[in-house]
Structures are given as C-alpha cells and as structure tokens.
Amino acid sequence: MNIPDDLIALERSAWEELQAGHLTAETASAVQAAVTAHSEEAGLDRYEVEMALKRIVRHPEG
C-alpha cells in the first residue's frame, strides 16, 4: 500500500506524543482527517490505510 510521506510524518508525530504521554486531540484529529482524506482519494478502506500506517510507524523493521 502506498502511504504518502506526509501522512507517515504526521502519524510519527502522533506516536511520539502518545509515547511521551502528551498526545493532543488536535494531533489525533489531524491524523484521522488525513487518513480519511487519503483513503477517499485513493479508493481504499480507511481502516486498512490506518493499520498499514501504524505498522510502518510503530514496527518499521517488518
């Protein structure tokens, strides 16, 4: 699945905030909006895009 670099960077920021215990609603909403927009533009399932994005950011080794 082709995930844009800007979406990966946004998820990476959210993941870093979450790990630090400082995830804001603004960041979380931005990620969800970007995932939804990308899914709609690419004709993909939003859930599948979100799961692929999380795998890329949280488990880059595999």
C-alpha atoms as a PDB file:
ATOM      1  CA  MET A   1       0.000   0.000   0.000  1.00  0.00           C
ATOM      2  CA  ASN A   2       1.350   3.398  -0.962  1.00  0.00           C
ATOM      3  CA  ILE A   3       1.252   5.747   2.050  1.00  0.00           C
ATOM      4  CA  PRO A   4       2.375   9.350   1.407  1.00  0.00           C
ATOM      5  CA  ASP A   5       5.413  10.614   3.322  1.00  0.00           C
ATOM      6  CA  ASP A   6       3.470  13.497   4.855  1.00  0.00           C
ATOM      7  CA  LEU A   7       0.939  11.077   6.323  1.00  0.00           C
ATOM      8  CA  ILE A   8       3.757   8.942   7.746  1.00  0.00           C
ATOM      9  CA  ALA A   9       5.344  12.027   9.310  1.00  0.00           C
ATOM     10  CA  LEU A  10       2.028  13.053  10.854  1.00  0.00           C
ATOM     11  CA  GLU A  11       1.481   9.581  12.339  1.00  0.00           C
ATOM     12  CA  ARG A  12       5.073   9.540  13.572  1.00  0.00           C
ATOM     13  CA  SER A  13       4.445  12.814  15.439  1.00  0.00           C
ATOM     14  CA  ALA A  14       1.280  11.397  16.985  1.00  0.00           C
ATOM     15  CA  TRP A  15       3.095   8.214  18.017  1.00  0.00           C
ATOM     16  CA  GLU A  16       5.889  10.222  19.641  1.00  0.00           C
ATOM     17  CA  GLU A  17       3.338  12.353  21.513  1.00  0.00           C
ATOM     18  CA  LEU A  18       1.490   9.226  22.636  1.00  0.00           C
ATOM     19  CA  GLN A  19       4.670   7.597  23.920  1.00  0.00           C
ATOM     20  CA  ALA A  20       5.535  10.766  25.840  1.00  0.00           C
ATOM     21  CA  GLY A  21       2.043  10.877  27.331  1.00  0.00           C
ATOM     22  CA  HIS A  22       1.175  14.134  25.600  1.00  0.00           C
ATOM     23  CA  LEU A  23      -0.982  13.192  22.618  1.00  0.00           C
ATOM     24  CA  THR A  24      -3.280  16.100  21.914  1.00  0.00           C
ATOM     25  CA  ALA A  25      -6.761  15.907  20.477  1.00  0.00           C
ATOM     26  CA  GLU A  26      -5.563  18.256  17.731  1.00  0.00           C
ATOM     27  CA  THR A  27      -2.832  15.862  16.625  1.00  0.00           C
ATOM     28  CA  ALA A  28      -5.097  12.822  16.823  1.00  0.00           C
ATOM     29  CA  SER A  29      -7.786  14.603  14.813  1.00  0.00           C
ATOM     30  CA  ALA A  30      -5.269  15.702  12.200  1.00  0.00           C
ATOM     31  CA  VAL A  31      -4.104  12.114  11.712  1.00  0.00           C
ATOM     32  CA  GLN A  32      -7.665  10.814  11.405  1.00  0.00           C
ATOM     33  CA  ALA A  33      -8.604  13.522   8.922  1.00  0.00           C
ATOM     34  CA  ALA A  34      -5.505  12.829   6.820  1.00  0.00           C
ATOM     35  CA  VAL A  35      -6.122   9.063   6.862  1.00  0.00           C
ATOM     36  CA  THR A  36      -9.739   9.592   5.830  1.00  0.00           C
ATOM     37  CA  ALA A  37      -8.797  12.003   3.048  1.00  0.00           C
ATOM     38  CA  HIS A  38      -6.095   9.701   1.672  1.00  0.00           C
ATOM     39  CA  SER A  39      -8.426   6.699   1.828  1.00  0.00           C
ATOM     40  CA  GLU A  40     -11.143   8.511  -0.077  1.00  0.00           C
ATOM     41  CA  GLU A  41      -8.746   9.884  -2.699  1.00  0.00           C
ATOM     42  CA  ALA A  42      -7.099   6.504  -3.263  1.00  0.00           C
ATOM     43  CA  GLY A  43     -10.341   4.495  -3.099  1.00  0.00           C
ATOM     44  CA  LEU A  44      -9.042   2.440  -0.173  1.00  0.00           C
ATOM     45  CA  ASP A  45     -10.609   1.225   3.046  1.00  0.00           C
ATOM     46  CA  ARG A  46      -9.856   3.759   5.813  1.00  0.00           C
ATOM     47  CA  TYR A  47      -9.276   1.020   8.390  1.00  0.00           C
ATOM     48  CA  GLU A  48      -6.734  -0.743   6.160  1.00  0.00           C
ATOM     49  CA  VAL A  49      -4.891   2.528   5.497  1.00  0.00           C
ATOM     50  CA  GLU A  50      -4.767   3.283   9.219  1.00  0.00           C
ATOM     51  CA  MET A  51      -3.457  -0.192  10.084  1.00  0.00           C
ATOM     52  CA  ALA A  52      -0.798  -0.035   7.352  1.00  0.00           C
ATOM     53  CA  LEU A  53       0.247   3.402   8.564  1.00  0.00           C
ATOM     54  CA  LYS A  54       0.550   2.221  12.171  1.00  0.00           C
ATOM     55  CA  ARG A  55       2.647  -0.773  11.066  1.00  0.00           C
ATOM     56  CA  ILE A  56       5.007   1.494   9.118  1.00  0.00           C
ATOM     57  CA  VAL A  57       5.486   3.871  12.052  1.00  0.00           C
ATOM     58  CA  ARG A  58       5.363   1.505  15.011  1.00  0.00           C
ATOM     59  CA  HIS A  59       7.081  -1.539  13.508  1.00  0.00           C
ATOM     60  CA  PRO A  60       9.456  -0.214  10.820  1.00  0.00           C
ATOM     61  CA  GLU A  61      11.573  -3.382  10.937  1.00  0.00           C
ATOM     62  CA  GLY A  62       8.907  -5.582   9.491  1.00  0.00           C
END
